[in-house]
N, C-alpha and C. Protein backbone atom coordinates (compact mmCIF):
# COMPACT_ATOMS: atom_id res chain seq x y z
N UNK A 1 -1.02 -221.79 116.90
CA UNK A 1 -2.26 -222.27 117.48
C UNK A 1 -3.47 -221.59 116.85
N UNK A 2 -3.30 -220.30 116.48
CA UNK A 2 -4.41 -219.59 115.85
C UNK A 2 -4.77 -220.21 114.50
N UNK A 3 -3.77 -220.63 113.77
CA UNK A 3 -4.01 -221.20 112.44
C UNK A 3 -4.84 -222.47 112.56
N UNK A 4 -4.51 -223.31 113.55
CA UNK A 4 -5.27 -224.55 113.76
C UNK A 4 -6.71 -224.23 114.13
N UNK A 5 -6.90 -223.21 114.97
CA UNK A 5 -8.25 -222.81 115.37
C UNK A 5 -9.05 -222.32 114.16
N UNK A 6 -8.41 -221.52 113.30
CA UNK A 6 -9.11 -221.02 112.11
C UNK A 6 -9.45 -222.15 111.14
N UNK A 7 -8.55 -223.11 110.99
CA UNK A 7 -8.84 -224.24 110.11
C UNK A 7 -10.00 -225.07 110.66
N UNK A 8 -9.97 -225.35 111.98
CA UNK A 8 -11.06 -226.11 112.59
C UNK A 8 -12.38 -225.37 112.46
N UNK A 9 -12.35 -224.06 112.64
CA UNK A 9 -13.58 -223.25 112.51
C UNK A 9 -14.10 -223.29 111.07
N UNK A 10 -13.20 -223.22 110.10
CA UNK A 10 -13.63 -223.27 108.70
C UNK A 10 -14.27 -224.61 108.37
N UNK A 11 -13.69 -225.69 108.90
CA UNK A 11 -14.27 -227.02 108.66
C UNK A 11 -15.65 -227.13 109.29
N UNK A 12 -15.79 -226.64 110.53
CA UNK A 12 -17.09 -226.69 111.20
C UNK A 12 -18.14 -225.86 110.46
N UNK A 13 -17.76 -224.69 110.02
CA UNK A 13 -18.70 -223.84 109.29
C UNK A 13 -19.08 -224.48 107.96
N UNK A 14 -18.08 -225.03 107.27
CA UNK A 14 -18.36 -225.68 105.98
C UNK A 14 -19.36 -226.82 106.15
N UNK A 15 -19.08 -227.73 107.12
CA UNK A 15 -19.99 -228.86 107.30
C UNK A 15 -21.34 -228.42 107.87
N UNK A 16 -21.34 -227.36 108.66
CA UNK A 16 -22.61 -226.84 109.15
C UNK A 16 -23.49 -226.35 108.03
N UNK A 17 -22.89 -225.64 107.08
CA UNK A 17 -23.65 -225.15 105.93
C UNK A 17 -24.13 -226.34 105.09
N UNK A 18 -23.27 -227.34 104.93
CA UNK A 18 -23.66 -228.54 104.16
C UNK A 18 -24.85 -229.23 104.84
N UNK A 19 -24.82 -229.34 106.16
CA UNK A 19 -25.95 -229.96 106.88
C UNK A 19 -27.22 -229.15 106.70
N UNK A 20 -27.11 -227.83 106.78
CA UNK A 20 -28.30 -226.99 106.61
C UNK A 20 -28.87 -227.13 105.21
N UNK A 21 -27.99 -227.12 104.20
CA UNK A 21 -28.46 -227.29 102.83
C UNK A 21 -29.02 -228.70 102.61
N UNK A 22 -28.40 -229.69 103.25
CA UNK A 22 -28.87 -231.07 103.10
C UNK A 22 -30.22 -231.31 103.74
N UNK A 23 -30.59 -230.48 104.69
CA UNK A 23 -31.89 -230.65 105.34
C UNK A 23 -33.04 -230.39 104.37
N UNK A 24 -32.78 -229.63 103.31
CA UNK A 24 -33.84 -229.31 102.35
C UNK A 24 -33.89 -230.27 101.16
N UNK A 25 -33.03 -231.28 101.18
CA UNK A 25 -33.05 -232.28 100.10
C UNK A 25 -34.09 -233.36 100.43
N UNK A 26 -34.48 -234.17 99.47
CA UNK A 26 -35.48 -235.22 99.73
C UNK A 26 -34.98 -236.27 100.71
N UNK A 27 -33.66 -236.50 100.78
CA UNK A 27 -33.13 -237.50 101.70
C UNK A 27 -32.85 -236.92 103.09
N UNK A 28 -32.87 -235.62 103.24
CA UNK A 28 -32.58 -234.97 104.52
C UNK A 28 -33.67 -235.22 105.54
N UNK A 29 -33.26 -235.16 106.81
CA UNK A 29 -34.25 -235.43 107.86
C UNK A 29 -34.83 -234.14 108.45
N UNK A 30 -34.64 -233.02 107.79
CA UNK A 30 -35.32 -231.79 108.16
C UNK A 30 -34.73 -231.08 109.37
N UNK A 31 -35.52 -231.01 110.44
CA UNK A 31 -35.18 -230.20 111.61
C UNK A 31 -33.90 -230.68 112.28
N UNK A 32 -33.67 -231.97 112.34
CA UNK A 32 -32.45 -232.51 112.97
C UNK A 32 -31.19 -232.03 112.28
N UNK A 33 -31.18 -232.06 110.95
CA UNK A 33 -30.01 -231.62 110.20
C UNK A 33 -29.81 -230.11 110.31
N UNK A 34 -30.91 -229.37 110.33
CA UNK A 34 -30.81 -227.91 110.49
C UNK A 34 -30.22 -227.59 111.86
N UNK A 35 -30.64 -228.30 112.90
CA UNK A 35 -30.14 -228.07 114.25
C UNK A 35 -28.64 -228.40 114.34
N UNK A 36 -28.24 -229.54 113.79
CA UNK A 36 -26.82 -229.91 113.80
C UNK A 36 -26.00 -228.91 113.00
N UNK A 37 -26.49 -228.48 111.85
CA UNK A 37 -25.79 -227.50 111.03
C UNK A 37 -25.65 -226.16 111.72
N UNK A 38 -26.73 -225.70 112.36
CA UNK A 38 -26.69 -224.41 113.05
C UNK A 38 -25.72 -224.45 114.23
N UNK A 39 -25.73 -225.55 114.99
CA UNK A 39 -24.80 -225.67 116.11
C UNK A 39 -23.36 -225.70 115.61
N UNK A 40 -23.11 -226.40 114.53
CA UNK A 40 -21.77 -226.47 113.96
C UNK A 40 -21.29 -225.09 113.49
N UNK A 41 -22.14 -224.35 112.83
CA UNK A 41 -21.79 -223.00 112.37
C UNK A 41 -21.53 -222.09 113.56
N UNK A 42 -22.37 -222.15 114.59
CA UNK A 42 -22.17 -221.31 115.77
C UNK A 42 -20.86 -221.64 116.49
N UNK A 43 -20.55 -222.92 116.61
CA UNK A 43 -19.29 -223.31 117.24
C UNK A 43 -18.11 -222.80 116.41
N UNK A 44 -18.21 -222.90 115.09
CA UNK A 44 -17.15 -222.40 114.21
C UNK A 44 -16.92 -220.91 114.38
N UNK A 45 -17.99 -220.14 114.41
CA UNK A 45 -17.83 -218.69 114.61
C UNK A 45 -17.35 -218.38 116.03
N UNK A 46 -17.74 -219.18 117.01
CA UNK A 46 -17.23 -219.01 118.37
C UNK A 46 -15.73 -219.24 118.45
N UNK A 47 -15.25 -220.25 117.74
CA UNK A 47 -13.81 -220.51 117.72
C UNK A 47 -13.07 -219.35 117.07
N UNK A 48 -13.61 -218.82 115.99
CA UNK A 48 -12.98 -217.66 115.33
C UNK A 48 -12.95 -216.47 116.28
N UNK A 49 -14.04 -216.25 116.99
CA UNK A 49 -14.10 -215.12 117.92
C UNK A 49 -13.05 -215.25 119.02
N UNK A 50 -12.96 -216.42 119.65
CA UNK A 50 -12.01 -216.59 120.74
C UNK A 50 -10.56 -216.65 120.25
N UNK A 51 -10.34 -217.18 119.04
CA UNK A 51 -8.98 -217.22 118.52
C UNK A 51 -8.48 -215.82 118.16
N UNK A 52 -9.38 -214.96 117.69
CA UNK A 52 -8.96 -213.61 117.34
C UNK A 52 -8.79 -212.72 118.56
N UNK A 53 -9.43 -213.03 119.65
CA UNK A 53 -9.30 -212.23 120.88
C UNK A 53 -8.08 -212.59 121.68
N UNK A 54 -7.57 -213.80 121.52
CA UNK A 54 -6.43 -214.25 122.31
C UNK A 54 -5.17 -213.55 121.84
N UNK A 55 -4.45 -212.95 122.79
CA UNK A 55 -3.24 -212.23 122.46
C UNK A 55 -2.06 -213.19 122.51
N UNK A 56 -1.01 -212.88 121.76
CA UNK A 56 0.18 -213.72 121.83
C UNK A 56 0.77 -213.71 123.24
N UNK A 57 1.37 -214.81 123.63
CA UNK A 57 1.88 -214.94 124.99
C UNK A 57 3.00 -213.95 125.28
N UNK A 58 3.78 -213.55 124.28
CA UNK A 58 4.86 -212.60 124.50
C UNK A 58 4.30 -211.22 124.84
N UNK A 59 3.17 -210.85 124.27
CA UNK A 59 2.59 -209.54 124.53
C UNK A 59 1.94 -209.48 125.91
N UNK A 60 1.50 -210.60 126.45
CA UNK A 60 0.85 -210.59 127.74
C UNK A 60 1.84 -210.31 128.86
N UNK A 61 2.98 -210.98 128.84
CA UNK A 61 3.96 -210.82 129.91
C UNK A 61 4.80 -209.57 129.73
N UNK A 62 4.93 -209.10 128.53
CA UNK A 62 5.76 -207.95 128.27
C UNK A 62 7.23 -208.34 128.30
N UNK A 63 7.99 -207.83 127.39
CA UNK A 63 9.40 -208.12 127.34
C UNK A 63 10.17 -206.96 127.93
N UNK A 64 11.03 -207.26 128.87
CA UNK A 64 11.91 -206.25 129.43
C UNK A 64 13.28 -206.46 128.82
N UNK A 65 13.79 -205.43 128.21
CA UNK A 65 15.10 -205.49 127.60
C UNK A 65 16.03 -204.61 128.41
N UNK A 66 17.11 -205.20 128.88
CA UNK A 66 18.10 -204.44 129.62
C UNK A 66 19.26 -204.17 128.69
N UNK A 67 19.60 -202.91 128.56
CA UNK A 67 20.67 -202.51 127.67
C UNK A 67 21.77 -201.90 128.51
N UNK A 68 22.96 -202.46 128.39
CA UNK A 68 24.09 -201.95 129.14
C UNK A 68 25.00 -201.22 128.18
N UNK A 69 25.34 -200.00 128.53
CA UNK A 69 26.21 -199.17 127.70
C UNK A 69 27.59 -199.18 128.32
N UNK A 70 28.56 -199.57 127.52
CA UNK A 70 29.94 -199.58 127.97
C UNK A 70 30.57 -198.26 127.55
N UNK A 71 30.67 -197.32 128.49
CA UNK A 71 31.22 -196.01 128.18
C UNK A 71 32.74 -196.10 128.11
N UNK A 72 33.35 -195.26 127.28
CA UNK A 72 34.79 -195.33 127.12
C UNK A 72 35.55 -194.93 128.38
N UNK A 73 36.65 -195.63 128.62
CA UNK A 73 37.59 -195.36 129.70
C UNK A 73 36.89 -195.34 131.05
N UNK A 74 37.30 -194.42 131.91
CA UNK A 74 36.75 -194.34 133.27
C UNK A 74 35.82 -193.14 133.39
N UNK A 75 34.78 -193.12 132.63
CA UNK A 75 33.83 -192.00 132.63
C UNK A 75 32.80 -192.25 133.72
N UNK A 76 32.61 -191.27 134.55
CA UNK A 76 31.53 -191.31 135.54
C UNK A 76 30.35 -190.53 134.99
N UNK A 77 29.17 -191.01 135.29
CA UNK A 77 27.99 -190.34 134.74
C UNK A 77 27.84 -188.92 135.26
N UNK A 78 28.34 -188.62 136.45
CA UNK A 78 28.17 -187.26 136.95
C UNK A 78 29.18 -186.30 136.31
N UNK A 79 30.17 -186.80 135.57
CA UNK A 79 31.14 -185.94 134.90
C UNK A 79 30.90 -185.82 133.41
N UNK A 80 29.88 -186.48 132.90
CA UNK A 80 29.59 -186.41 131.47
C UNK A 80 28.94 -185.07 131.17
N UNK A 81 29.56 -184.31 130.26
CA UNK A 81 29.08 -182.96 129.95
C UNK A 81 28.78 -182.86 128.46
N UNK A 82 27.87 -181.96 128.12
CA UNK A 82 27.49 -181.72 126.73
C UNK A 82 28.65 -181.11 125.97
N UNK A 83 28.86 -181.56 124.73
CA UNK A 83 29.94 -181.04 123.90
C UNK A 83 29.68 -179.59 123.47
N UNK A 84 28.42 -179.22 123.37
CA UNK A 84 28.09 -177.88 122.87
C UNK A 84 28.04 -176.83 123.97
N UNK A 85 27.25 -177.09 125.02
CA UNK A 85 27.04 -176.05 126.03
C UNK A 85 27.73 -176.35 127.35
N UNK A 86 28.21 -177.57 127.56
CA UNK A 86 28.89 -177.92 128.80
C UNK A 86 27.94 -178.29 129.92
N UNK A 87 26.66 -178.44 129.62
CA UNK A 87 25.68 -178.82 130.64
C UNK A 87 25.88 -180.25 131.10
N UNK A 88 25.54 -180.52 132.36
CA UNK A 88 25.70 -181.85 132.93
C UNK A 88 24.62 -182.78 132.38
N UNK A 89 25.05 -183.97 131.93
CA UNK A 89 24.13 -184.95 131.37
C UNK A 89 23.92 -186.08 132.36
N UNK A 90 22.71 -186.57 132.41
CA UNK A 90 22.37 -187.68 133.29
C UNK A 90 22.05 -188.93 132.49
N UNK A 91 21.78 -190.04 133.17
CA UNK A 91 21.47 -191.29 132.46
C UNK A 91 20.22 -191.21 131.60
N UNK A 92 19.27 -190.35 131.94
CA UNK A 92 18.03 -190.22 131.15
C UNK A 92 18.27 -189.51 129.82
N UNK A 93 19.42 -188.85 129.68
CA UNK A 93 19.72 -188.11 128.46
C UNK A 93 20.36 -188.98 127.38
N UNK A 94 20.70 -190.24 127.72
CA UNK A 94 21.30 -191.15 126.75
C UNK A 94 20.23 -192.12 126.28
N UNK A 95 20.03 -192.17 124.98
CA UNK A 95 19.03 -193.06 124.37
C UNK A 95 19.73 -193.93 123.34
N UNK A 96 19.21 -195.13 123.14
CA UNK A 96 19.73 -196.02 122.11
C UNK A 96 18.89 -195.84 120.85
N UNK A 97 19.55 -195.50 119.75
CA UNK A 97 18.88 -195.34 118.46
C UNK A 97 19.64 -196.21 117.46
N UNK A 98 18.95 -197.20 116.92
CA UNK A 98 19.53 -198.12 115.92
C UNK A 98 20.80 -198.78 116.45
N UNK A 99 20.81 -199.10 117.74
CA UNK A 99 21.93 -199.82 118.33
C UNK A 99 23.11 -198.96 118.73
N UNK A 100 23.01 -197.66 118.64
CA UNK A 100 24.11 -196.76 119.00
C UNK A 100 23.63 -195.79 120.08
N UNK A 101 24.49 -195.48 121.05
CA UNK A 101 24.09 -194.52 122.11
C UNK A 101 24.12 -193.08 121.59
N UNK A 102 23.01 -192.39 121.75
CA UNK A 102 22.88 -191.00 121.36
C UNK A 102 22.56 -190.16 122.59
N UNK A 103 23.10 -188.96 122.62
CA UNK A 103 22.88 -188.03 123.73
C UNK A 103 22.03 -186.88 123.24
N UNK A 104 21.01 -186.52 124.03
CA UNK A 104 20.20 -185.34 123.76
C UNK A 104 20.35 -184.43 124.97
N UNK A 105 20.98 -183.30 124.76
CA UNK A 105 21.22 -182.35 125.85
C UNK A 105 19.90 -181.71 126.27
N UNK A 106 19.56 -181.75 127.57
CA UNK A 106 18.30 -181.14 128.02
C UNK A 106 18.35 -179.62 128.03
N UNK A 107 19.54 -179.04 127.89
CA UNK A 107 19.67 -177.59 127.96
C UNK A 107 19.65 -176.94 126.57
N UNK A 108 20.53 -177.42 125.69
CA UNK A 108 20.61 -176.80 124.36
C UNK A 108 19.98 -177.67 123.26
N UNK A 109 19.48 -178.86 123.63
CA UNK A 109 18.81 -179.80 122.73
C UNK A 109 19.70 -180.27 121.58
N UNK A 110 21.02 -180.25 121.79
CA UNK A 110 21.95 -180.78 120.81
C UNK A 110 21.91 -182.30 120.87
N UNK A 111 21.93 -182.93 119.70
CA UNK A 111 21.91 -184.38 119.62
C UNK A 111 23.20 -184.85 118.95
N UNK A 112 23.88 -185.77 119.60
CA UNK A 112 25.09 -186.34 119.01
C UNK A 112 25.27 -187.76 119.52
N UNK A 113 26.07 -188.52 118.77
CA UNK A 113 26.31 -189.92 119.10
C UNK A 113 27.54 -190.04 119.98
N UNK A 114 27.44 -190.87 121.00
CA UNK A 114 28.61 -191.15 121.84
C UNK A 114 29.54 -192.06 121.06
N UNK A 115 30.81 -191.72 121.04
CA UNK A 115 31.78 -192.57 120.37
C UNK A 115 32.70 -193.16 121.42
N UNK A 116 33.10 -194.38 121.18
CA UNK A 116 33.96 -195.07 122.12
C UNK A 116 35.38 -195.08 121.58
N UNK A 117 36.28 -194.54 122.38
CA UNK A 117 37.69 -194.53 122.01
C UNK A 117 38.28 -195.88 122.38
N UNK A 118 39.33 -196.30 121.69
CA UNK A 118 39.97 -197.57 122.05
C UNK A 118 40.46 -197.54 123.51
N UNK A 119 40.38 -198.67 124.17
CA UNK A 119 40.72 -198.72 125.60
C UNK A 119 42.18 -199.11 125.85
N UNK A 120 43.00 -199.20 124.82
CA UNK A 120 44.40 -199.57 125.06
C UNK A 120 45.29 -198.41 125.19
């Protein structure tokens, strides 16, 4: 939609300038052509202004992404412990980085990737 608005604005500005320049020719009608040209140019710049201010519809509503992590076997979140220090990890300590679950220990700040063992 923005592209159409910019094209329409360019056409209006182009013809507005042509009308203004034509007003100074011997066949031009003077003030009338200058007025039509000025209004056309102003409308063109107004369209550019409003088209550039309008945000994409996806950014207005915001996208909520729900990510479900399938932990291996029968792991409960209250029993998940850090591999380095043994500190208890909570759901806020697991982050998704490049599509893989990573754990950042709040106690020793160790970072490692969760690996999923086969479930058979």
